[in-house]
Amino acid sequence: MHYRTRESLSGYLSLLPAFLALGAIVFYPMVNTFYHSFTKWNGADSHWIGLRNYRFIFSNGELWTLLRNNAVFLLSIPGILLLSLVVSVLLFEEVRGWRFFRSLYYIPTILSSVVVGMLMKMMFAPSGVVNEMLRALGLTDGTTEWLSRAPTAFLVLIFCFYWQTLGQGALIFLSGLSSISPEIYESASLDGAGWWQRLFRITMPSLVPTIVYFTVTNAIYCFIGLFSLVYAVTQGGPGRETTPIDYMIYIKAFQSPDQLGYASALSIVLFVIVLLASWAQIRWSRRYQE
C-alpha cells in the first residue's frame, strides 16, 4: 500500500471514534426528531400523521405567542451589548479599581442559570430583599408581586439575563480590544484625536466582528438557552405569558407524554427559526463590513 494512502487511512481511522460519537449524540437524535415530527408519539408507540403537527402549530395561534415572548428577550440584546461594551472599554482603560470590578462582573458568569434563577426568585419574592429595600426607601409598600404579572416577570427575567451575561460580554469585548494595535491609538493621539474620536473612529469599527459574534450568540441563546432560567424563575407564568419556545417544547414533551410528536415538530420549527435568524444576522454583518 502506498505511503500516502496508508497515512490517509490512518488519519480517517483515528477520526472514526469521534465521528461515531458525533453521529450517536447529535445526528441520530436530529434525524429521529425529524421523523417523529410527522407522527403521533407517546414515547413508546407512534403512527404516521403527516403534516398534522405542523398544521396545528401554525393554526392554533400558540406559536405566535411563544415567538412574542422570545422577541422580548431579543429586543433586550442591544441593551446588554451596550452595557458590556461600556464596561469593557472602562476596564480596558484601567480606571481606578478595574481589577476588582473585572472579577466582580465575571463572577455571575460562572454560576449556572438555575442558581441565578433561584437567587433572583428569592430576591424578588413578596418578602424578598428587593421589596424590603423599596419599602425602606419609601418607594412602595413592599408587597409588589413581581412574578405574578407578565411585565414585571419579564423585567426580572431580563435582569437575570443581563446579570449573567455582562461578565461574558465584557470578556469578549476585552479580547476584541486587546487585538487592536496600540500603534493605531498612538498615531491617532499624535494627530490630535480625542478620546471620543478614538472610540468612534477606531475602537467601534475594529470591534464590528466582535459585536456580530456577541449579537449572534445571544440571539441564538434567546431561542434555545432560556429554558433553565425560565424554569427556575417563573416556570412560564403567569399562565403562559413568559413561556419561550424551548420551554414549551419541554412542557409538551415531558408534561404531556402523548404529545411527543408535537414537541418534535415544534423543535424542528425552532431549529429552522434559529438557522434563518443566524443566517440573516451573519449576512447583514458581512454586508455592513463591506
C-alpha atoms as a PDB file:
ATOM      1  CA  MET A   1       0.000   0.000   0.000  1.00  0.00           C
ATOM      2  CA  HIS A   2       1.290   3.444  -0.922  1.00  0.00           C
ATOM      3  CA  TYR A   3       2.639   5.530   1.964  1.00  0.00           C
ATOM      4  CA  ARG A   4       0.225   8.427   1.347  1.00  0.00           C
ATOM      5  CA  THR A   5      -2.733   6.041   1.194  1.00  0.00           C
ATOM      6  CA  ARG A   6      -1.743   4.402   4.485  1.00  0.00           C
ATOM      7  CA  GLU A   7      -1.261   7.833   6.065  1.00  0.00           C
ATOM      8  CA  SER A   8      -4.720   8.970   4.923  1.00  0.00           C
ATOM      9  CA  LEU A   9      -6.311   5.715   6.085  1.00  0.00           C
ATOM     10  CA  SER A  10      -4.646   6.054   9.466  1.00  0.00           C
ATOM     11  CA  GLY A  11      -5.955   9.612   9.779  1.00  0.00           C
ATOM     12  CA  TYR A  12      -9.522   8.598   8.906  1.00  0.00           C
ATOM     13  CA  LEU A  13      -9.434   5.658  11.330  1.00  0.00           C
ATOM     14  CA  SER A  14      -8.230   7.936  14.122  1.00  0.00           C
ATOM     15  CA  LEU A  15     -11.191  10.261  13.455  1.00  0.00           C
ATOM     16  CA  LEU A  16     -13.708   7.419  13.235  1.00  0.00           C
ATOM     17  CA  PRO A  17     -14.490   7.234  17.015  1.00  0.00           C
ATOM     18  CA  ALA A  18     -15.184  10.980  17.088  1.00  0.00           C
ATOM     19  CA  PHE A  19     -17.500  10.724  14.056  1.00  0.00           C
ATOM     20  CA  LEU A  20     -19.317   7.737  15.569  1.00  0.00           C
ATOM     21  CA  ALA A  21     -19.806   9.610  18.855  1.00  0.00           C
ATOM     22  CA  LEU A  22     -20.983  12.699  16.970  1.00  0.00           C
ATOM     23  CA  GLY A  23     -23.424  10.614  14.948  1.00  0.00           C
ATOM     24  CA  ALA A  24     -24.818   8.878  18.030  1.00  0.00           C
ATOM     25  CA  ILE A  25     -25.104  12.040  20.162  1.00  0.00           C
ATOM     26  CA  VAL A  26     -26.048  14.662  17.554  1.00  0.00           C
ATOM     27  CA  PHE A  27     -27.105  13.372  14.140  1.00  0.00           C
ATOM     28  CA  TYR A  28     -29.192  10.371  15.186  1.00  0.00           C
ATOM     29  CA  PRO A  29     -31.334  12.422  17.643  1.00  0.00           C
ATOM     30  CA  MET A  30     -31.823  15.069  14.934  1.00  0.00           C
ATOM     31  CA  VAL A  31     -32.973  12.522  12.356  1.00  0.00           C
ATOM     32  CA  ASN A  32     -35.144  10.777  14.965  1.00  0.00           C
ATOM     33  CA  THR A  33     -36.751  14.074  15.970  1.00  0.00           C
ATOM     34  CA  PHE A  34     -37.402  14.985  12.337  1.00  0.00           C
ATOM     35  CA  TYR A  35     -39.077  11.633  11.691  1.00  0.00           C
ATOM     36  CA  HIS A  36     -41.250  11.756  14.813  1.00  0.00           C
ATOM     37  CA  SER A  37     -42.368  15.302  13.982  1.00  0.00           C
ATOM     38  CA  PHE A  38     -44.630  13.624  11.403  1.00  0.00           C
ATOM     39  CA  THR A  39     -46.073  11.150  13.896  1.00  0.00           C
ATOM     40  CA  LYS A  40     -48.324  10.974  16.938  1.00  0.00           C
ATOM     41  CA  TRP A  41     -45.864   9.625  19.513  1.00  0.00           C
ATOM     42  CA  ASN A  42     -46.115   8.879  23.215  1.00  0.00           C
ATOM     43  CA  GLY A  43     -42.535   7.696  23.678  1.00  0.00           C
ATOM     44  CA  ALA A  44     -43.320   4.042  23.032  1.00  0.00           C
ATOM     45  CA  ASP A  45     -45.759   3.816  20.133  1.00  0.00           C
ATOM     46  CA  SER A  46     -46.046   6.123  17.159  1.00  0.00           C
ATOM     47  CA  HIS A  47     -48.089   6.257  13.983  1.00  0.00           C
ATOM     48  CA  TRP A  48     -47.704   8.444  10.929  1.00  0.00           C
ATOM     49  CA  ILE A  49     -49.972  11.505  10.703  1.00  0.00           C
ATOM     50  CA  GLY A  50     -48.098  13.522   8.066  1.00  0.00           C
ATOM     51  CA  LEU A  51     -48.139  17.290   8.403  1.00  0.00           C
ATOM     52  CA  ARG A  52     -50.863  17.398  11.041  1.00  0.00           C
ATOM     53  CA  ASN A  53     -48.491  18.527  13.825  1.00  0.00           C
ATOM     54  CA  TYR A  54     -47.135  21.376  11.698  1.00  0.00           C
ATOM     55  CA  ARG A  55     -50.596  22.480  10.601  1.00  0.00           C
ATOM     56  CA  PHE A  56     -51.695  22.581  14.226  1.00  0.00           C
ATOM     57  CA  ILE A  57     -48.596  24.583  15.250  1.00  0.00           C
ATOM     58  CA  PHE A  58     -49.251  27.296  12.670  1.00  0.00           C
ATOM     59  CA  SER A  59     -53.032  27.390  13.070  1.00  0.00           C
ATOM     60  CA  ASN A  60     -53.686  27.304  16.827  1.00  0.00           C
ATOM     61  CA  GLY A  61     -52.062  30.698  17.498  1.00  0.00           C
ATOM     62  CA  GLU A  62     -49.754  29.336  20.200  1.00  0.00           C
ATOM     63  CA  LEU A  63     -46.599  29.738  18.115  1.00  0.00           C
ATOM     64  CA  TRP A  64     -47.088  33.486  17.732  1.00  0.00           C
ATOM     65  CA  THR A  65     -47.425  33.938  21.499  1.00  0.00           C
ATOM     66  CA  LEU A  66     -44.225  31.958  22.023  1.00  0.00           C
ATOM     67  CA  LEU A  67     -42.398  33.990  19.365  1.00  0.00           C
ATOM     68  CA  ARG A  68     -43.579  37.196  21.034  1.00  0.00           C
ATOM     69  CA  ASN A  69     -42.059  36.020  24.304  1.00  0.00           C
ATOM     70  CA  ASN A  70     -38.767  35.189  22.585  1.00  0.00           C
ATOM     71  CA  ALA A  71     -38.878  38.556  20.810  1.00  0.00           C
ATOM     72  CA  VAL A  72     -38.967  40.343  24.186  1.00  0.00           C
ATOM     73  CA  PHE A  73     -35.593  38.812  25.020  1.00  0.00           C
ATOM     74  CA  LEU A  74     -34.255  39.509  21.520  1.00  0.00           C
ATOM     75  CA  LEU A  75     -35.137  43.183  21.859  1.00  0.00           C
ATOM     76  CA  SER A  76     -33.137  43.315  25.096  1.00  0.00           C
ATOM     77  CA  ILE A  77     -29.879  42.312  23.353  1.00  0.00           C
ATOM     78  CA  PRO A  78     -28.875  45.886  22.306  1.00  0.00           C
ATOM     79  CA  GLY A  79     -29.047  46.923  25.970  1.00  0.00           C
ATOM     80  CA  ILE A  80     -26.681  44.218  27.221  1.00  0.00           C
ATOM     81  CA  LEU A  81     -24.445  44.774  24.187  1.00  0.00           C
ATOM     82  CA  LEU A  82     -24.104  48.473  25.003  1.00  0.00           C
ATOM     83  CA  LEU A  83     -23.612  47.779  28.711  1.00  0.00           C
ATOM     84  CA  SER A  84     -20.938  45.138  28.026  1.00  0.00           C
ATOM     85  CA  LEU A  85     -19.177  47.454  25.597  1.00  0.00           C
ATOM     86  CA  VAL A  86     -19.094  50.359  28.084  1.00  0.00           C
ATOM     87  CA  VAL A  87     -17.814  48.125  30.904  1.00  0.00           C
ATOM     88  CA  SER A  88     -15.141  46.548  28.681  1.00  0.00           C
ATOM     89  CA  VAL A  89     -13.895  49.953  27.481  1.00  0.00           C
ATOM     90  CA  LEU A  90     -13.658  51.206  31.080  1.00  0.00           C
ATOM     91  CA  LEU A  91     -11.778  48.048  32.107  1.00  0.00           C
ATOM     92  CA  PHE A  92      -9.507  48.352  29.075  1.00  0.00           C
ATOM     93  CA  GLU A  93      -8.736  51.950  30.028  1.00  0.00           C
ATOM     94  CA  GLU A  94      -7.821  50.606  33.509  1.00  0.00           C
ATOM     95  CA  VAL A  95      -9.940  53.008  35.527  1.00  0.00           C
ATOM     96  CA  ARG A  96      -9.446  53.009  39.290  1.00  0.00           C
ATOM     97  CA  GLY A  97     -10.360  49.622  40.800  1.00  0.00           C
ATOM     98  CA  TRP A  98     -10.511  47.894  37.411  1.00  0.00           C
ATOM     99  CA  ARG A  99      -9.064  44.605  38.743  1.00  0.00           C
ATOM    100  CA  PHE A 100     -11.763  44.355  41.434  1.00  0.00           C
ATOM    101  CA  PHE A 101     -14.584  45.204  39.010  1.00  0.00           C
ATOM    102  CA  ARG A 102     -13.270  42.770  36.392  1.00  0.00           C
ATOM    103  CA  SER A 103     -13.632  39.923  38.896  1.00  0.00           C
ATOM    104  CA  LEU A 104     -16.942  41.247  40.210  1.00  0.00           C
ATOM    105  CA  TYR A 105     -18.542  41.377  36.761  1.00  0.00           C
ATOM    106  CA  TYR A 106     -17.337  37.916  35.784  1.00  0.00           C
ATOM    107  CA  ILE A 107     -18.451  36.008  38.916  1.00  0.00           C
ATOM    108  CA  PRO A 108     -22.160  35.625  37.804  1.00  0.00           C
ATOM    109  CA  THR A 109     -20.983  34.081  34.528  1.00  0.00           C
ATOM    110  CA  ILE A 110     -19.578  31.017  36.281  1.00  0.00           C
ATOM    111  CA  LEU A 111     -22.901  30.358  38.038  1.00  0.00           C
ATOM    112  CA  SER A 112     -25.469  28.131  36.366  1.00  0.00           C
ATOM    113  CA  SER A 113     -28.730  29.623  35.126  1.00  0.00           C
ATOM    114  CA  VAL A 114     -30.653  27.599  37.703  1.00  0.00           C
ATOM    115  CA  VAL A 115     -28.612  29.080  40.559  1.00  0.00           C
ATOM    116  CA  VAL A 116     -29.064  32.598  39.174  1.00  0.00           C
ATOM    117  CA  GLY A 117     -32.777  31.995  38.666  1.00  0.00           C
ATOM    118  CA  MET A 118     -33.367  30.668  42.177  1.00  0.00           C
ATOM    119  CA  LEU A 119     -31.391  33.558  43.647  1.00  0.00           C
ATOM    120  CA  MET A 120     -33.448  36.131  41.754  1.00  0.00           C
ATOM    121  CA  LYS A 121     -36.694  34.348  42.586  1.00  0.00           C
ATOM    122  CA  MET A 122     -35.892  34.692  46.287  1.00  0.00           C
ATOM    123  CA  MET A 123     -34.792  38.312  45.864  1.00  0.00           C
ATOM    124  CA  PHE A 124     -37.988  39.314  44.018  1.00  0.00           C
ATOM    125  CA  ALA A 125     -40.364  37.302  46.227  1.00  0.00           C
ATOM    126  CA  PRO A 126     -43.067  39.314  48.104  1.00  0.00           C
ATOM    127  CA  SER A 127     -40.965  39.060  51.271  1.00  0.00           C
ATOM    128  CA  GLY A 128     -37.650  39.275  49.400  1.00  0.00           C
ATOM    129  CA  VAL A 129     -34.817  41.740  49.715  1.00  0.00           C
ATOM    130  CA  VAL A 130     -35.970  43.879  46.764  1.00  0.00           C
ATOM    131  CA  ASN A 131     -39.363  44.637  48.318  1.00  0.00           C
ATOM    132  CA  GLU A 132     -37.746  45.239  51.687  1.00  0.00           C
ATOM    133  CA  MET A 133     -35.306  47.698  50.131  1.00  0.00           C
ATOM    134  CA  LEU A 134     -38.031  49.545  48.216  1.00  0.00           C
ATOM    135  CA  ARG A 135     -40.160  49.760  51.358  1.00  0.00           C
ATOM    136  CA  ALA A 136     -37.197  51.112  53.355  1.00  0.00           C
ATOM    137  CA  LEU A 137     -36.709  53.810  50.719  1.00  0.00           C
ATOM    138  CA  GLY A 138     -40.418  54.677  50.806  1.00  0.00           C
ATOM    139  CA  LEU A 139     -40.923  53.891  47.098  1.00  0.00           C
ATOM    140  CA  THR A 140     -43.507  51.108  47.563  1.00  0.00           C
ATOM    141  CA  ASP A 141     -45.408  49.409  50.369  1.00  0.00           C
ATOM    142  CA  GLY A 142     -43.158  46.348  49.977  1.00  0.00           C
ATOM    143  CA  THR A 143     -45.866  43.973  48.753  1.00  0.00           C
ATOM    144  CA  THR A 144     -45.199  44.019  44.994  1.00  0.00           C
ATOM    145  CA  GLU A 145     -45.849  40.654  43.318  1.00  0.00           C
ATOM    146  CA  TRP A 146     -43.050  40.803  40.766  1.00  0.00           C
ATOM    147  CA  LEU A 147     -43.628  37.367  39.248  1.00  0.00           C
ATOM    148  CA  SER A 148     -47.432  37.392  39.166  1.00  0.00           C
ATOM    149  CA  ARG A 149     -47.729  39.868  36.273  1.00  0.00           C
ATOM    150  CA  ALA A 150     -46.168  39.481  32.825  1.00  0.00           C
ATOM    151  CA  PRO A 151     -44.461  42.919  32.539  1.00  0.00           C
ATOM    152  CA  THR A 152     -42.654  42.699  35.866  1.00  0.00           C
ATOM    153  CA  ALA A 153     -41.922  38.989  35.391  1.00  0.00           C
ATOM    154  CA  PHE A 154     -40.216  39.822  32.088  1.00  0.00           C
ATOM    155  CA  LEU A 155     -38.238  42.561  33.828  1.00  0.00           C
ATOM    156  CA  VAL A 156     -36.960  40.051  36.382  1.00  0.00           C
ATOM    157  CA  LEU A 157     -36.016  37.556  33.649  1.00  0.00           C
ATOM    158  CA  ILE A 158     -34.222  40.212  31.598  1.00  0.00           C
ATOM    159  CA  PHE A 159     -32.410  41.409  34.718  1.00  0.00           C
ATOM    160  CA  CYS A 160     -31.234  37.799  35.271  1.00  0.00           C
ATOM    161  CA  PHE A 161     -30.148  37.620  31.624  1.00  0.00           C
ATOM    162  CA  TYR A 162     -28.193  40.870  31.893  1.00  0.00           C
ATOM    163  CA  TRP A 163     -26.612  39.975  35.222  1.00  0.00           C
ATOM    164  CA  GLN A 164     -25.343  36.616  33.967  1.00  0.00           C
ATOM    165  CA  THR A 165     -24.284  37.829  30.509  1.00  0.00           C
ATOM    166  CA  LEU A 166     -22.442  41.028  31.472  1.00  0.00           C
ATOM    167  CA  GLY A 167     -19.226  39.290  32.545  1.00  0.00           C
ATOM    168  CA  GLN A 168     -19.124  37.134  29.435  1.00  0.00           C
ATOM    169  CA  GLY A 169     -19.795  40.147  27.204  1.00  0.00           C
ATOM    170  CA  ALA A 170     -17.092  42.228  28.898  1.00  0.00           C
ATOM    171  CA  LEU A 171     -14.615  39.360  28.460  1.00  0.00           C
ATOM    172  CA  ILE A 172     -15.468  39.008  24.757  1.00  0.00           C
ATOM    173  CA  PHE A 173     -15.086  42.744  24.107  1.00  0.00           C
ATOM    174  CA  LEU A 174     -11.873  42.906  26.115  1.00  0.00           C
ATOM    175  CA  SER A 175     -10.481  40.205  23.826  1.00  0.00           C
ATOM    176  CA  GLY A 176     -11.519  42.279  20.825  1.00  0.00           C
ATOM    177  CA  LEU A 177      -9.986  45.443  22.285  1.00  0.00           C
ATOM    178  CA  SER A 178      -6.689  43.690  23.031  1.00  0.00           C
ATOM    179  CA  SER A 179      -6.390  42.692  19.371  1.00  0.00           C
ATOM    180  CA  ILE A 180      -6.310  46.370  18.252  1.00  0.00           C
ATOM    181  CA  SER A 181      -2.755  47.559  17.709  1.00  0.00           C
ATOM    182  CA  PRO A 182      -1.679  50.227  20.259  1.00  0.00           C
ATOM    183  CA  GLU A 183       0.205  51.962  17.446  1.00  0.00           C
ATOM    184  CA  ILE A 184      -3.111  52.970  15.894  1.00  0.00           C
ATOM    185  CA  TYR A 185      -4.152  54.757  19.083  1.00  0.00           C
ATOM    186  CA  GLU A 186      -0.722  56.388  19.392  1.00  0.00           C
ATOM    187  CA  SER A 187      -0.875  57.666  15.810  1.00  0.00           C
ATOM    188  CA  ALA A 188      -4.394  59.000  16.352  1.00  0.00           C
ATOM    189  CA  SER A 189      -3.311  60.770  19.560  1.00  0.00           C
ATOM    190  CA  LEU A 190      -0.379  62.379  17.757  1.00  0.00           C
ATOM    191  CA  ASP A 191      -2.790  63.598  15.079  1.00  0.00           C
ATOM    192  CA  GLY A 192      -4.877  65.289  17.784  1.00  0.00           C
ATOM    193  CA  ALA A 193      -7.745  62.788  18.047  1.00  0.00           C
ATOM    194  CA  GLY A 194      -9.580  62.962  21.369  1.00  0.00           C
ATOM    195  CA  TRP A 195     -10.949  60.057  23.416  1.00  0.00           C
ATOM    196  CA  TRP A 196     -14.392  60.155  21.810  1.00  0.00           C
ATOM    197  CA  GLN A 197     -12.913  60.363  18.307  1.00  0.00           C
ATOM    198  CA  ARG A 198     -10.691  57.349  19.009  1.00  0.00           C
ATOM    199  CA  LEU A 199     -13.716  55.473  20.384  1.00  0.00           C
ATOM    200  CA  PHE A 200     -15.992  56.046  17.375  1.00  0.00           C
ATOM    201  CA  ARG A 201     -13.340  56.112  14.616  1.00  0.00           C
ATOM    202  CA  ILE A 202     -11.032  53.317  15.771  1.00  0.00           C
ATOM    203  CA  THR A 203     -12.483  51.214  18.578  1.00  0.00           C
ATOM    204  CA  MET A 204     -16.043  50.751  17.337  1.00  0.00           C
ATOM    205  CA  PRO A 205     -15.178  49.912  13.683  1.00  0.00           C
ATOM    206  CA  SER A 206     -12.489  47.489  14.858  1.00  0.00           C
ATOM    207  CA  LEU A 207     -14.977  45.747  17.132  1.00  0.00           C
ATOM    208  CA  VAL A 208     -17.585  45.075  14.426  1.00  0.00           C
ATOM    209  CA  PRO A 209     -16.690  41.330  14.138  1.00  0.00           C
ATOM    210  CA  THR A 210     -16.813  41.021  17.942  1.00  0.00           C
ATOM    211  CA  ILE A 211     -20.162  42.824  18.077  1.00  0.00           C
ATOM    212  CA  VAL A 212     -21.529  40.487  15.400  1.00  0.00           C
ATOM    213  CA  TYR A 213     -20.312  37.425  17.297  1.00  0.00           C
ATOM    214  CA  PHE A 214     -21.829  38.678  20.564  1.00  0.00           C
ATOM    215  CA  THR A 215     -25.140  39.514  18.885  1.00  0.00           C
ATOM    216  CA  VAL A 216     -25.457  36.212  17.014  1.00  0.00           C
ATOM    217  CA  THR A 217     -24.575  34.040  20.017  1.00  0.00           C
ATOM    218  CA  ASN A 218     -27.000  35.879  22.286  1.00  0.00           C
ATOM    219  CA  ALA A 219     -29.746  35.788  19.656  1.00  0.00           C
ATOM    220  CA  ILE A 220     -29.316  32.021  19.495  1.00  0.00           C
ATOM    221  CA  TYR A 221     -29.339  31.905  23.303  1.00  0.00           C
ATOM    222  CA  CYS A 222     -32.639  33.812  23.354  1.00  0.00           C
ATOM    223  CA  PHE A 223     -34.191  30.940  21.381  1.00  0.00           C
ATOM    224  CA  ILE A 224     -32.525  27.815  22.775  1.00  0.00           C
ATOM    225  CA  GLY A 225     -30.936  28.798  26.104  1.00  0.00           C
ATOM    226  CA  LEU A 226     -33.764  30.303  28.161  1.00  0.00           C
ATOM    227  CA  PHE A 227     -35.230  27.037  29.472  1.00  0.00           C
ATOM    228  CA  SER A 228     -33.285  26.759  32.723  1.00  0.00           C
ATOM    229  CA  LEU A 229     -33.727  30.444  33.569  1.00  0.00           C
ATOM    230  CA  VAL A 230     -37.478  30.447  32.900  1.00  0.00           C
ATOM    231  CA  TYR A 231     -37.916  27.131  34.715  1.00  0.00           C
ATOM    232  CA  ALA A 232     -36.158  28.449  37.824  1.00  0.00           C
ATOM    233  CA  VAL A 233     -37.822  31.884  37.954  1.00  0.00           C
ATOM    234  CA  THR A 234     -41.349  31.859  36.507  1.00  0.00           C
ATOM    235  CA  GLN A 235     -41.977  28.372  35.073  1.00  0.00           C
ATOM    236  CA  GLY A 236     -43.521  30.143  32.107  1.00  0.00           C
ATOM    237  CA  GLY A 237     -46.077  32.008  34.184  1.00  0.00           C
ATOM    238  CA  PRO A 238     -48.236  33.782  34.871  1.00  0.00           C
ATOM    239  CA  GLY A 239     -50.193  31.432  32.618  1.00  0.00           C
ATOM    240  CA  ARG A 240     -48.024  31.116  29.534  1.00  0.00           C
ATOM    241  CA  GLU A 241     -47.115  34.803  29.367  1.00  0.00           C
ATOM    242  CA  THR A 242     -43.344  34.266  29.809  1.00  0.00           C
ATOM    243  CA  THR A 243     -43.079  30.882  28.073  1.00  0.00           C
ATOM    244  CA  PRO A 244     -40.474  30.800  25.254  1.00  0.00           C
ATOM    245  CA  ILE A 245     -40.421  28.125  22.572  1.00  0.00           C
ATOM    246  CA  ASP A 246     -37.801  25.892  24.188  1.00  0.00           C
ATOM    247  CA  TYR A 247     -39.747  25.792  27.463  1.00  0.00           C
ATOM    248  CA  MET A 248     -42.957  24.924  25.606  1.00  0.00           C
ATOM    249  CA  ILE A 249     -41.128  22.006  23.974  1.00  0.00           C
ATOM    250  CA  TYR A 250     -40.334  20.725  27.471  1.00  0.00           C
ATOM    251  CA  ILE A 251     -43.971  21.148  28.567  1.00  0.00           C
ATOM    252  CA  LYS A 252     -45.326  19.268  25.558  1.00  0.00           C
ATOM    253  CA  ALA A 253     -42.702  16.515  25.720  1.00  0.00           C
ATOM    254  CA  PHE A 254     -42.496  15.780  29.454  1.00  0.00           C
ATOM    255  CA  GLN A 255     -45.690  17.114  30.993  1.00  0.00           C
ATOM    256  CA  SER A 256     -47.925  15.765  28.204  1.00  0.00           C
ATOM    257  CA  PRO A 257     -46.261  12.469  27.149  1.00  0.00           C
ATOM    258  CA  ASP A 258     -48.783  11.795  24.380  1.00  0.00           C
ATOM    259  CA  GLN A 259     -47.616  14.999  22.603  1.00  0.00           C
ATOM    260  CA  LEU A 260     -44.003  13.990  21.950  1.00  0.00           C
ATOM    261  CA  GLY A 261     -44.679  14.165  18.209  1.00  0.00           C
ATOM    262  CA  TYR A 262     -45.982  17.718  18.569  1.00  0.00           C
ATOM    263  CA  ALA A 263     -42.912  18.603  20.661  1.00  0.00           C
ATOM    264  CA  SER A 264     -40.668  17.143  17.942  1.00  0.00           C
ATOM    265  CA  ALA A 265     -42.391  19.266  15.297  1.00  0.00           C
ATOM    266  CA  LEU A 266     -42.017  22.344  17.475  1.00  0.00           C
ATOM    267  CA  SER A 267     -38.299  21.517  17.848  1.00  0.00           C
ATOM    268  CA  ILE A 268     -37.897  21.417  14.064  1.00  0.00           C
ATOM    269  CA  VAL A 269     -39.689  24.763  13.746  1.00  0.00           C
ATOM    270  CA  LEU A 270     -37.343  26.219  16.373  1.00  0.00           C
ATOM    271  CA  PHE A 271     -34.311  24.815  14.540  1.00  0.00           C
ATOM    272  CA  VAL A 272     -35.402  26.474  11.283  1.00  0.00           C
ATOM    273  CA  ILE A 273     -36.083  29.805  13.034  1.00  0.00           C
ATOM    274  CA  VAL A 274     -32.631  29.848  14.665  1.00  0.00           C
ATOM    275  CA  LEU A 275     -30.985  28.838  11.379  1.00  0.00           C
ATOM    276  CA  LEU A 276     -32.703  31.632   9.445  1.00  0.00           C
ATOM    277  CA  ALA A 277     -32.081  34.234  12.160  1.00  0.00           C
ATOM    278  CA  SER A 278     -28.372  33.367  12.349  1.00  0.00           C
ATOM    279  CA  TRP A 279     -28.028  33.380   8.566  1.00  0.00           C
ATOM    280  CA  ALA A 280     -29.735  36.776   8.292  1.00  0.00           C
ATOM    281  CA  GLN A 281     -27.546  38.329  11.004  1.00  0.00           C
ATOM    282  CA  ILE A 282     -24.305  36.974   9.517  1.00  0.00           C
ATOM    283  CA  ARG A 283     -25.323  38.104   6.024  1.00  0.00           C
ATOM    284  CA  TRP A 284     -26.182  41.576   7.323  1.00  0.00           C
ATOM    285  CA  SER A 285     -22.895  41.828   9.213  1.00  0.00           C
ATOM    286  CA  ARG A 286     -20.861  40.870   6.151  1.00  0.00           C
ATOM    287  CA  ARG A 287     -22.644  43.475   4.065  1.00  0.00           C
ATOM    288  CA  TYR A 288     -22.023  46.058   6.808  1.00  0.00           C
ATOM    289  CA  GLN A 289     -18.307  45.212   6.940  1.00  0.00           C
ATOM    290  CA  GLU A 290     -18.022  45.519   3.161  1.00  0.00           C
END
